[in-house]
Protein backbone atom coordinates (compact mmCIF):
# COMPACT_ATOMS: atom_id res chain seq x y z
CA MET A 1 -78.96 -10.41 165.84
CA GLN A 2 -79.03 -6.76 164.50
CA GLY A 3 -77.06 -5.71 161.76
CA GLU A 4 -73.35 -4.62 162.70
CA PRO A 5 -72.97 -1.04 163.43
CA HIS A 6 -70.20 0.41 161.27
CA SER A 7 -67.23 2.44 162.54
CA LYS A 8 -66.00 5.58 160.19
CA GLU A 9 -62.30 4.46 160.58
CA HIS A 10 -60.92 0.67 160.93
CA LEU A 11 -58.02 -0.05 163.12
CA ARG A 12 -54.83 -0.30 161.04
CA GLU A 13 -52.26 -0.45 163.85
CA CYS A 14 -52.03 -1.37 167.25
CA PRO A 15 -52.63 1.62 169.34
CA LEU A 16 -50.11 0.38 171.80
CA CYS A 17 -46.97 -0.43 169.85
CA LYS A 18 -48.34 0.57 166.22
CA GLY A 19 -47.86 -2.91 165.13
CA LYS A 20 -50.10 -4.40 162.20
CA LEU A 21 -53.53 -5.67 163.23
CA VAL A 22 -55.05 -8.50 161.91
CA ALA A 23 -58.60 -9.93 162.21
CA ARG A 24 -58.94 -12.65 164.94
CA ASP A 25 -62.47 -13.66 165.01
CA THR A 26 -65.96 -11.72 166.17
CA VAL A 27 -67.65 -11.79 169.35
CA ASP A 28 -71.47 -10.54 170.40
CA ARG A 29 -71.85 -7.51 172.02
CA HIS A 30 -74.84 -5.66 172.83
CA TYR A 31 -75.98 -2.00 173.48
CA ARG A 32 -78.91 -0.46 174.98
CA ASP A 33 -81.34 1.91 173.16
CA GLU A 34 -83.23 5.08 174.03
CA GLU A 35 -85.86 3.01 176.15
CA GLY A 36 -83.29 0.49 177.59
CA GLU A 37 -83.74 -2.32 175.71
CA LYS A 38 -80.91 -4.47 174.29
CA VAL A 39 -79.76 -4.69 170.57
CA TRP A 40 -77.10 -7.69 169.99
CA PHE A 41 -74.28 -7.39 167.11
CA ARG A 42 -71.19 -8.78 166.21
CA ILE A 43 -67.80 -6.70 166.49
CA ARG A 44 -64.59 -7.69 165.30
CA ARG A 45 -61.70 -8.80 167.57
CA LEU A 46 -58.09 -7.80 166.18
CA ARG A 47 -54.56 -9.44 167.21
CA CYS A 48 -51.52 -7.12 167.22
CA LYS A 49 -48.84 -8.86 165.02
CA GLU A 50 -46.25 -7.41 167.20
CA CYS A 51 -46.97 -7.27 170.85
CA GLY A 52 -50.11 -10.07 170.59
CA LYS A 53 -52.62 -7.84 172.26
CA LEU A 54 -56.26 -8.23 171.24
CA HIS A 55 -58.24 -5.28 170.54
CA ARG A 56 -62.27 -4.80 169.77
CA GLU A 57 -63.22 -2.79 166.91
CA LEU A 58 -66.15 -0.74 168.30
CA PRO A 59 -68.66 1.04 166.15
CA ASP A 60 -69.11 4.85 166.35
CA ILE A 61 -72.27 4.60 168.34
CA LEU A 62 -70.65 2.81 171.19
CA LEU A 63 -67.60 3.87 173.82
CA PRO A 64 -65.73 1.45 175.43
CA TYR A 65 -66.92 -0.36 178.63
CA LYS A 66 -70.39 1.56 178.11
CA HIS A 67 -73.59 -0.17 177.18
CA TYR A 68 -75.78 2.58 176.04
CA ARG A 69 -75.47 4.56 172.91
CA CYS A 70 -72.98 7.32 172.94
CA GLU A 71 -75.60 9.88 171.97
CA ILE A 72 -77.53 9.01 175.15
CA ILE A 73 -74.32 9.49 177.09
CA GLU A 74 -73.14 12.83 175.43
CA GLU A 75 -76.81 14.30 175.93
CA THR A 76 -76.42 13.54 179.58
CA ALA A 77 -73.04 15.30 179.59
CA ASP A 78 -74.37 18.18 177.96
CA GLY A 79 -77.05 18.68 180.14
CA LYS A 80 -79.73 17.87 178.03
CA GLU A 81 -82.92 16.39 178.82
CA GLU A 82 -82.52 12.95 180.49
CA ALA A 83 -83.49 10.13 178.31
CA PRO A 84 -86.20 7.70 179.39
CA GLY A 85 -84.13 4.17 179.26
CA PRO A 86 -81.29 4.68 181.72
CA GLU A 87 -82.12 4.63 185.41
CA ALA A 88 -81.53 7.62 187.62
CA ARG A 89 -78.27 6.12 188.87
CA THR A 90 -76.85 5.66 185.84
CA LEU A 91 -77.12 9.02 184.83
CA GLN A 92 -75.80 10.38 187.95
CA ARG A 93 -72.83 7.66 187.53
CA TRP A 94 -72.50 9.24 183.86
CA ARG A 95 -72.26 12.76 185.36
CA GLU A 96 -69.55 11.90 187.86
CA TRP A 97 -67.68 10.05 185.14
CA PHE A 98 -67.62 12.71 182.72
CA ALA A 99 -66.52 15.54 185.50
CA TRP A 100 -63.36 13.43 185.90
CA VAL A 101 -62.93 12.21 182.52
CA ARG A 102 -63.40 15.74 180.73
CA ILE A 103 -59.92 16.81 182.46
CA LEU A 104 -58.42 13.49 181.59
CA LEU A 105 -59.50 13.86 177.72
CA GLY A 106 -58.68 17.81 177.78
CA CYS A 107 -54.99 16.66 178.62
CA VAL A 108 -54.43 13.92 176.22
CA LEU A 109 -56.20 16.07 173.31
CA THR A 110 -53.86 18.73 174.15
CA ALA A 111 -50.49 16.20 174.24
CA ILE A 112 -52.11 14.93 170.68
CA ARG A 113 -52.25 18.44 169.20
CA ILE A 114 -48.70 19.56 170.60
CA GLU A 115 -47.47 16.04 168.87
CA LYS A 116 -48.77 16.81 165.44
CA GLU A 117 -48.45 20.53 165.64
CA GLY A 118 -45.56 21.62 168.18
CA LEU A 119 -46.39 24.12 170.64
CA LEU A 120 -47.14 26.90 168.42
CA GLY A 121 -50.25 25.01 167.28
CA LEU A 122 -51.80 25.78 170.90
CA LEU A 123 -51.49 29.53 170.05
CA ASP A 124 -53.88 29.35 167.32
CA THR A 125 -57.10 28.68 169.42
CA PRO A 126 -57.30 29.28 172.72
CA GLU A 127 -60.03 27.42 173.41
CA PRO A 128 -59.72 23.85 175.27
CA PRO A 129 -59.74 21.08 172.40
CA LEU A 130 -62.19 19.33 174.27
CA GLU A 131 -64.65 22.20 174.21
CA ARG A 132 -63.98 22.93 170.80
CA ARG A 133 -65.03 19.62 169.78
CA ARG A 134 -68.33 19.57 171.97
CA GLY A 135 -69.22 22.97 169.84
CA HIS A 136 -69.23 21.06 166.74
CA GLY A 137 -72.23 18.89 167.22
CA GLY A 138 -72.88 14.96 168.13
CA GLY A 139 -70.04 12.73 168.15
CA TRP A 140 -67.63 14.72 170.36
CA LEU A 141 -67.11 12.25 172.97
CA ALA A 142 -66.71 9.12 170.93
CA ASP A 143 -64.35 11.26 168.76
CA SER A 144 -62.47 12.33 171.73
CA ILE A 145 -62.18 8.95 173.02
CA ARG A 146 -61.26 7.30 170.05
CA SER A 147 -58.69 9.68 169.20
CA SER A 148 -57.10 9.12 172.65
CA ILE A 149 -56.98 5.54 172.56
CA ASN A 150 -55.75 5.35 168.75
CA ALA A 151 -52.99 8.03 169.58
CA GLY A 152 -51.61 5.63 172.17
CA TYR A 153 -52.93 7.50 175.26
CA PRO A 154 -55.12 4.24 176.59
CA ALA A 155 -56.13 6.33 179.48
CA TYR A 156 -59.60 5.86 179.59
CA THR A 157 -60.32 2.58 181.72
CA PRO A 158 -63.15 2.27 184.34
CA SER A 159 -60.33 1.01 186.93
CA LEU A 160 -58.36 4.41 186.69
CA TRP A 161 -61.67 6.35 187.02
CA ARG A 162 -62.66 4.62 190.11
CA ASN A 163 -59.45 5.01 191.62
CA ALA A 164 -58.85 8.65 190.51
CA GLU A 165 -59.64 9.63 194.10
CA ALA A 166 -56.90 7.48 195.37
CA VAL A 167 -54.17 9.42 192.87
CA VAL A 168 -52.54 12.02 194.51
CA ILE A 169 -50.56 14.40 192.29
CA SER A 170 -47.53 16.24 193.96
């Protein structure tokens, strides 16, 4: 078992109901490195005292529902040289996923900004929030998804992405 990767910020409140989170236990989790090798470590599970939901405290190097390090997925989303570890089909799925989640995250980050600054806050910067984050270097994808989930917009789920074609907006 490897050492535990750390997170910059610890969850203090439930992203769903804003209740207090308390440590419950730990679970084993793995990620794949650049060569595709599994690296095992432990993460904390937290229970909300209000709604009773369980949450996993992921380190900064991981995204929910993904098994490769976030840097590798970000490089693929940015169109950089492909990492040697993931298979071609995995890289293709990441590109398809990002094409969809890019729109969703852009909307969520805009909603978060409006909540914090009001509509006038959007006038300062015409650049979309996700693109602005992308321009500031590595870690933009994990930061964006973490902001979305912790602000109470847990719209980033595999089932939502897979069923996106069935959703019709009228």
